Amino acid sequence: MSKERARRRAEREAEQARQAALHAEREARLARRRECVGRITALLPGRPVRIAVQGGIMARRRRAQNGLVAVLFFIVQAIAWLLWSSWTTRLGVFVLSVLFVPLFVTLVFDRRS
């Protein structure tokens, strides 16, 4: 009986040693990763870089026009979805809308460059 207990205890201790080795390896890997990330983040600037948004009259007008075009595009798509139940018709309206948006923008807003 004591030989059996000694064998089981040895198996438990061996399993605990294996688990401890795995845990130590995992911790070492995480420590190396943290160190690497720390070195990389030390090179980055301390505060986030702000991307400036153009605030002039032309920029505001362009944003308003782009918003209008987007709203009109979605209205056309919603009307197509409500009027027709055929998927091919809906897809056709979508493709034609995508193709005609640049033409519409160029003709209506005079964006020839």
N, C-alpha and C. Protein backbone atom coordinates (compact mmCIF):
# COMPACT_ATOMS: atom_id res chain seq x y z
N MET A 1 0.82 -1.19 0.00
CA MET A 1 0.00 0.00 0.00
C MET A 1 0.87 1.25 0.00
N SER A 2 1.93 1.31 0.79
CA SER A 2 2.75 2.51 0.85
C SER A 2 3.52 2.71 -0.44
N LYS A 3 3.85 1.59 -1.14
CA LYS A 3 4.52 1.72 -2.43
C LYS A 3 3.59 2.40 -3.44
N GLU A 4 2.32 2.03 -3.40
CA GLU A 4 1.33 2.64 -4.31
C GLU A 4 1.18 4.13 -4.03
N ARG A 5 1.10 4.51 -2.75
CA ARG A 5 1.01 5.92 -2.39
C ARG A 5 2.26 6.68 -2.82
N ALA A 6 3.41 6.09 -2.65
CA ALA A 6 4.66 6.73 -3.05
C ALA A 6 4.70 6.92 -4.56
N ARG A 7 4.23 5.93 -5.31
CA ARG A 7 4.20 6.05 -6.77
C ARG A 7 3.25 7.17 -7.21
N ARG A 8 2.04 7.22 -6.60
CA ARG A 8 1.08 8.28 -6.94
C ARG A 8 1.62 9.66 -6.58
N ARG A 9 2.26 9.76 -5.41
CA ARG A 9 2.85 11.03 -5.00
C ARG A 9 3.95 11.46 -5.97
N ALA A 10 4.76 10.50 -6.42
CA ALA A 10 5.81 10.82 -7.39
C ALA A 10 5.20 11.30 -8.71
N GLU A 11 4.10 10.66 -9.14
CA GLU A 11 3.41 11.10 -10.37
C GLU A 11 2.86 12.51 -10.21
N ARG A 12 2.25 12.77 -9.03
CA ARG A 12 1.70 14.12 -8.78
C ARG A 12 2.80 15.16 -8.80
N GLU A 13 3.91 14.84 -8.15
CA GLU A 13 5.02 15.79 -8.10
C GLU A 13 5.62 16.02 -9.48
N ALA A 14 5.69 14.95 -10.29
CA ALA A 14 6.20 15.10 -11.65
C ALA A 14 5.26 15.98 -12.48
N GLU A 15 3.96 15.76 -12.31
CA GLU A 15 2.98 16.59 -13.05
C GLU A 15 3.05 18.04 -12.59
N GLN A 16 3.21 18.28 -11.29
CA GLN A 16 3.34 19.64 -10.79
C GLN A 16 4.60 20.30 -11.32
N ALA A 17 5.68 19.55 -11.41
CA ALA A 17 6.93 20.10 -11.95
C ALA A 17 6.75 20.46 -13.42
N ARG A 18 6.06 19.60 -14.19
CA ARG A 18 5.78 19.90 -15.61
C ARG A 18 4.94 21.16 -15.75
N GLN A 19 3.90 21.26 -14.92
CA GLN A 19 3.03 22.44 -14.98
C GLN A 19 3.81 23.70 -14.59
N ALA A 20 4.68 23.59 -13.59
CA ALA A 20 5.48 24.74 -13.17
C ALA A 20 6.42 25.17 -14.29
N ALA A 21 7.01 24.19 -14.99
CA ALA A 21 7.91 24.52 -16.11
C ALA A 21 7.14 25.21 -17.22
N LEU A 22 5.95 24.71 -17.55
CA LEU A 22 5.12 25.35 -18.58
C LEU A 22 4.75 26.78 -18.17
N HIS A 23 4.37 26.94 -16.92
CA HIS A 23 3.99 28.26 -16.42
C HIS A 23 5.18 29.22 -16.49
N ALA A 24 6.36 28.75 -16.09
CA ALA A 24 7.54 29.61 -16.13
C ALA A 24 7.88 29.99 -17.57
N GLU A 25 7.74 29.04 -18.48
CA GLU A 25 8.01 29.34 -19.90
C GLU A 25 7.03 30.38 -20.43
N ARG A 26 5.75 30.22 -20.08
CA ARG A 26 4.72 31.17 -20.51
C ARG A 26 5.00 32.57 -19.95
N GLU A 27 5.35 32.62 -18.68
CA GLU A 27 5.66 33.91 -18.04
C GLU A 27 6.88 34.57 -18.68
N ALA A 28 7.90 33.77 -19.00
CA ALA A 28 9.10 34.32 -19.64
C ALA A 28 8.76 34.88 -21.02
N ARG A 29 7.91 34.17 -21.76
CA ARG A 29 7.50 34.64 -23.08
C ARG A 29 6.72 35.95 -22.97
N LEU A 30 5.81 36.03 -21.99
CA LEU A 30 5.06 37.27 -21.80
C LEU A 30 5.97 38.42 -21.38
N ALA A 31 6.96 38.13 -20.55
CA ALA A 31 7.89 39.18 -20.12
C ALA A 31 8.69 39.69 -21.32
N ARG A 32 9.16 38.77 -22.19
CA ARG A 32 9.89 39.21 -23.39
C ARG A 32 9.00 40.04 -24.29
N ARG A 33 7.74 39.64 -24.43
CA ARG A 33 6.82 40.40 -25.28
C ARG A 33 6.56 41.79 -24.70
N ARG A 34 6.33 41.86 -23.39
CA ARG A 34 6.11 43.15 -22.76
C ARG A 34 7.32 44.06 -22.94
N GLU A 35 8.52 43.49 -22.82
CA GLU A 35 9.73 44.28 -22.99
C GLU A 35 9.85 44.80 -24.42
N CYS A 36 9.55 43.96 -25.38
CA CYS A 36 9.61 44.36 -26.79
C CYS A 36 8.58 45.46 -27.08
N VAL A 37 7.36 45.28 -26.59
CA VAL A 37 6.32 46.30 -26.80
C VAL A 37 6.71 47.59 -26.10
N GLY A 38 7.31 47.49 -24.93
CA GLY A 38 7.75 48.68 -24.21
C GLY A 38 8.81 49.44 -24.98
N ARG A 39 9.74 48.71 -25.60
CA ARG A 39 10.78 49.38 -26.40
C ARG A 39 10.17 50.09 -27.60
N ILE A 40 9.19 49.46 -28.23
CA ILE A 40 8.56 50.07 -29.41
C ILE A 40 7.74 51.29 -29.01
N THR A 41 6.96 51.18 -27.93
CA THR A 41 6.14 52.32 -27.52
C THR A 41 6.98 53.47 -27.00
N ALA A 42 8.19 53.18 -26.53
CA ALA A 42 9.06 54.26 -26.08
C ALA A 42 9.50 55.13 -27.25
N LEU A 43 9.54 54.56 -28.44
CA LEU A 43 9.94 55.32 -29.63
C LEU A 43 8.82 56.21 -30.15
N LEU A 44 7.58 55.88 -29.82
CA LEU A 44 6.44 56.64 -30.33
C LEU A 44 6.29 57.95 -29.55
N PRO A 45 5.66 58.95 -30.19
CA PRO A 45 5.44 60.20 -29.48
C PRO A 45 4.49 60.00 -28.30
N GLY A 46 4.62 60.87 -27.30
CA GLY A 46 3.86 60.72 -26.07
C GLY A 46 2.38 60.97 -26.21
N ARG A 47 2.02 61.88 -27.05
CA ARG A 47 0.60 62.18 -27.21
C ARG A 47 0.16 61.83 -28.63
N PRO A 48 -1.12 61.54 -28.82
CA PRO A 48 -1.58 61.17 -30.16
C PRO A 48 -1.48 62.35 -31.13
N VAL A 49 -1.23 62.04 -32.36
CA VAL A 49 -1.10 63.05 -33.39
C VAL A 49 -2.49 63.40 -33.89
N ARG A 50 -2.81 64.66 -33.90
CA ARG A 50 -4.12 65.11 -34.35
C ARG A 50 -4.06 65.39 -35.84
N ILE A 51 -5.02 64.85 -36.56
CA ILE A 51 -5.10 65.10 -37.99
C ILE A 51 -6.02 66.30 -38.17
N ALA A 52 -5.48 67.35 -38.75
CA ALA A 52 -6.24 68.59 -38.90
C ALA A 52 -7.30 68.44 -39.98
N VAL A 53 -8.46 68.98 -39.70
CA VAL A 53 -9.56 68.99 -40.65
C VAL A 53 -9.61 70.38 -41.27
N GLN A 54 -9.67 70.41 -42.57
CA GLN A 54 -9.73 71.69 -43.26
C GLN A 54 -11.00 72.41 -42.84
N GLY A 55 -10.90 73.70 -42.57
CA GLY A 55 -12.05 74.43 -42.05
C GLY A 55 -12.50 75.58 -42.92
N GLY A 56 -11.95 75.68 -44.12
CA GLY A 56 -12.31 76.80 -44.97
C GLY A 56 -13.69 76.66 -45.58
N ILE A 57 -14.08 77.70 -46.30
CA ILE A 57 -15.40 77.71 -46.94
C ILE A 57 -15.52 76.60 -47.97
N MET A 58 -14.46 76.43 -48.77
CA MET A 58 -14.49 75.39 -49.80
C MET A 58 -14.59 73.99 -49.18
N ALA A 59 -13.87 73.78 -48.10
CA ALA A 59 -13.90 72.47 -47.45
C ALA A 59 -15.28 72.19 -46.84
N ARG A 60 -15.85 73.20 -46.20
CA ARG A 60 -17.19 73.01 -45.63
C ARG A 60 -18.21 72.76 -46.73
N ARG A 61 -18.09 73.47 -47.83
CA ARG A 61 -19.01 73.28 -48.96
C ARG A 61 -18.85 71.87 -49.54
N ARG A 62 -17.60 71.41 -49.68
CA ARG A 62 -17.35 70.07 -50.20
C ARG A 62 -17.94 69.01 -49.28
N ARG A 63 -17.78 69.18 -47.95
CA ARG A 63 -18.35 68.21 -47.01
C ARG A 63 -19.88 68.20 -47.10
N ALA A 64 -20.47 69.36 -47.22
CA ALA A 64 -21.93 69.43 -47.34
C ALA A 64 -22.40 68.75 -48.62
N GLN A 65 -21.69 68.99 -49.71
CA GLN A 65 -22.06 68.37 -50.98
C GLN A 65 -21.91 66.84 -50.90
N ASN A 66 -20.82 66.38 -50.29
CA ASN A 66 -20.62 64.93 -50.15
C ASN A 66 -21.72 64.31 -49.28
N GLY A 67 -22.11 65.01 -48.24
CA GLY A 67 -23.20 64.52 -47.40
C GLY A 67 -24.51 64.44 -48.17
N LEU A 68 -24.78 65.47 -48.99
CA LEU A 68 -26.00 65.47 -49.81
C LEU A 68 -25.99 64.31 -50.79
N VAL A 69 -24.85 64.06 -51.42
CA VAL A 69 -24.75 62.95 -52.38
C VAL A 69 -24.97 61.63 -51.66
N ALA A 70 -24.41 61.45 -50.49
CA ALA A 70 -24.59 60.21 -49.74
C ALA A 70 -26.05 60.01 -49.35
N VAL A 71 -26.70 61.06 -48.89
CA VAL A 71 -28.12 60.96 -48.51
C VAL A 71 -28.97 60.61 -49.72
N LEU A 72 -28.72 61.26 -50.85
CA LEU A 72 -29.48 60.95 -52.07
C LEU A 72 -29.24 59.51 -52.52
N PHE A 73 -27.99 59.06 -52.42
CA PHE A 73 -27.68 57.67 -52.80
C PHE A 73 -28.49 56.70 -51.94
N PHE A 74 -28.52 56.92 -50.63
CA PHE A 74 -29.26 56.02 -49.75
C PHE A 74 -30.76 56.13 -49.97
N ILE A 75 -31.26 57.30 -50.30
CA ILE A 75 -32.70 57.44 -50.60
C ILE A 75 -33.06 56.65 -51.84
N VAL A 76 -32.23 56.74 -52.88
CA VAL A 76 -32.48 55.99 -54.11
C VAL A 76 -32.46 54.49 -53.81
N GLN A 77 -31.51 54.05 -53.00
CA GLN A 77 -31.45 52.62 -52.67
C GLN A 77 -32.68 52.19 -51.87
N ALA A 78 -33.12 53.02 -50.94
CA ALA A 78 -34.30 52.67 -50.14
C ALA A 78 -35.55 52.60 -51.01
N ILE A 79 -35.69 53.54 -51.92
CA ILE A 79 -36.85 53.52 -52.83
C ILE A 79 -36.82 52.27 -53.70
N ALA A 80 -35.63 51.92 -54.21
CA ALA A 80 -35.51 50.71 -55.03
C ALA A 80 -35.88 49.47 -54.22
N TRP A 81 -35.45 49.40 -52.96
CA TRP A 81 -35.78 48.24 -52.14
C TRP A 81 -37.27 48.17 -51.83
N LEU A 82 -37.91 49.34 -51.71
CA LEU A 82 -39.34 49.34 -51.40
C LEU A 82 -40.19 49.04 -52.62
N LEU A 83 -39.76 49.52 -53.78
CA LEU A 83 -40.58 49.36 -54.99
C LEU A 83 -40.45 47.98 -55.62
N TRP A 84 -39.26 47.45 -55.68
CA TRP A 84 -39.04 46.20 -56.39
C TRP A 84 -38.60 45.10 -55.44
N SER A 85 -39.16 43.90 -55.65
CA SER A 85 -38.78 42.77 -54.81
C SER A 85 -37.76 41.87 -55.49
N SER A 86 -37.47 42.13 -56.75
CA SER A 86 -36.52 41.32 -57.49
C SER A 86 -35.09 41.72 -57.11
N TRP A 87 -34.29 40.73 -56.78
CA TRP A 87 -32.91 41.01 -56.38
C TRP A 87 -32.10 41.54 -57.55
N THR A 88 -32.41 41.08 -58.76
CA THR A 88 -31.64 41.56 -59.91
C THR A 88 -31.92 43.04 -60.17
N THR A 89 -33.17 43.45 -59.97
CA THR A 89 -33.50 44.86 -60.16
C THR A 89 -32.82 45.71 -59.09
N ARG A 90 -32.84 45.25 -57.86
CA ARG A 90 -32.18 45.98 -56.78
C ARG A 90 -30.68 46.09 -57.04
N LEU A 91 -30.06 45.00 -57.48
CA LEU A 91 -28.64 45.02 -57.79
C LEU A 91 -28.36 45.94 -58.97
N GLY A 92 -29.25 45.92 -59.97
CA GLY A 92 -29.09 46.82 -61.11
C GLY A 92 -29.16 48.28 -60.70
N VAL A 93 -30.11 48.62 -59.84
CA VAL A 93 -30.21 49.99 -59.36
C VAL A 93 -28.96 50.38 -58.58
N PHE A 94 -28.44 49.47 -57.78
CA PHE A 94 -27.23 49.75 -57.02
C PHE A 94 -26.04 50.01 -57.95
N VAL A 95 -25.87 49.14 -58.95
CA VAL A 95 -24.74 49.30 -59.88
C VAL A 95 -24.87 50.60 -60.65
N LEU A 96 -26.06 50.91 -61.15
CA LEU A 96 -26.26 52.16 -61.88
C LEU A 96 -26.04 53.37 -60.97
N SER A 97 -26.46 53.27 -59.72
CA SER A 97 -26.24 54.37 -58.79
C SER A 97 -24.75 54.61 -58.57
N VAL A 98 -24.01 53.53 -58.38
CA VAL A 98 -22.57 53.66 -58.18
C VAL A 98 -21.91 54.26 -59.41
N LEU A 99 -22.37 53.87 -60.58
CA LEU A 99 -21.79 54.41 -61.81
C LEU A 99 -22.15 55.87 -62.05
N PHE A 100 -23.37 56.27 -61.67
CA PHE A 100 -23.82 57.63 -61.97
C PHE A 100 -23.48 58.66 -60.90
N VAL A 101 -23.05 58.24 -59.72
CA VAL A 101 -22.70 59.19 -58.67
C VAL A 101 -21.58 60.13 -59.11
N PRO A 102 -20.49 59.65 -59.69
CA PRO A 102 -19.45 60.60 -60.13
C PRO A 102 -19.94 61.55 -61.21
N LEU A 103 -20.76 61.05 -62.13
CA LEU A 103 -21.32 61.92 -63.17
C LEU A 103 -22.21 62.99 -62.54
N PHE A 104 -23.04 62.59 -61.60
CA PHE A 104 -23.92 63.53 -60.92
C PHE A 104 -23.12 64.60 -60.18
N VAL A 105 -22.09 64.17 -59.47
CA VAL A 105 -21.26 65.11 -58.71
C VAL A 105 -20.58 66.10 -59.65
N THR A 106 -20.06 65.60 -60.77
CA THR A 106 -19.35 66.46 -61.71
C THR A 106 -20.30 67.47 -62.36
N LEU A 107 -21.47 67.02 -62.76
CA LEU A 107 -22.40 67.91 -63.46
C LEU A 107 -23.07 68.91 -62.52
N VAL A 108 -23.50 68.45 -61.35
CA VAL A 108 -24.27 69.31 -60.46
C VAL A 108 -23.37 70.27 -59.69
N PHE A 109 -22.22 69.77 -59.19
CA PHE A 109 -21.39 70.60 -58.34
C PHE A 109 -20.20 71.20 -59.07
N ASP A 110 -20.07 70.98 -60.36
CA ASP A 110 -19.03 71.54 -61.20
C ASP A 110 -17.65 71.28 -60.62
N ARG A 111 -17.33 70.00 -60.45
CA ARG A 111 -16.04 69.62 -59.88
C ARG A 111 -15.09 69.15 -60.97
N ARG A 112 -15.02 69.85 -62.05
CA ARG A 112 -14.08 69.48 -63.13
C ARG A 112 -12.69 69.96 -62.73
N SER A 113 -11.75 69.04 -62.81
CA SER A 113 -10.39 69.45 -62.45
C SER A 113 -9.39 68.96 -63.47
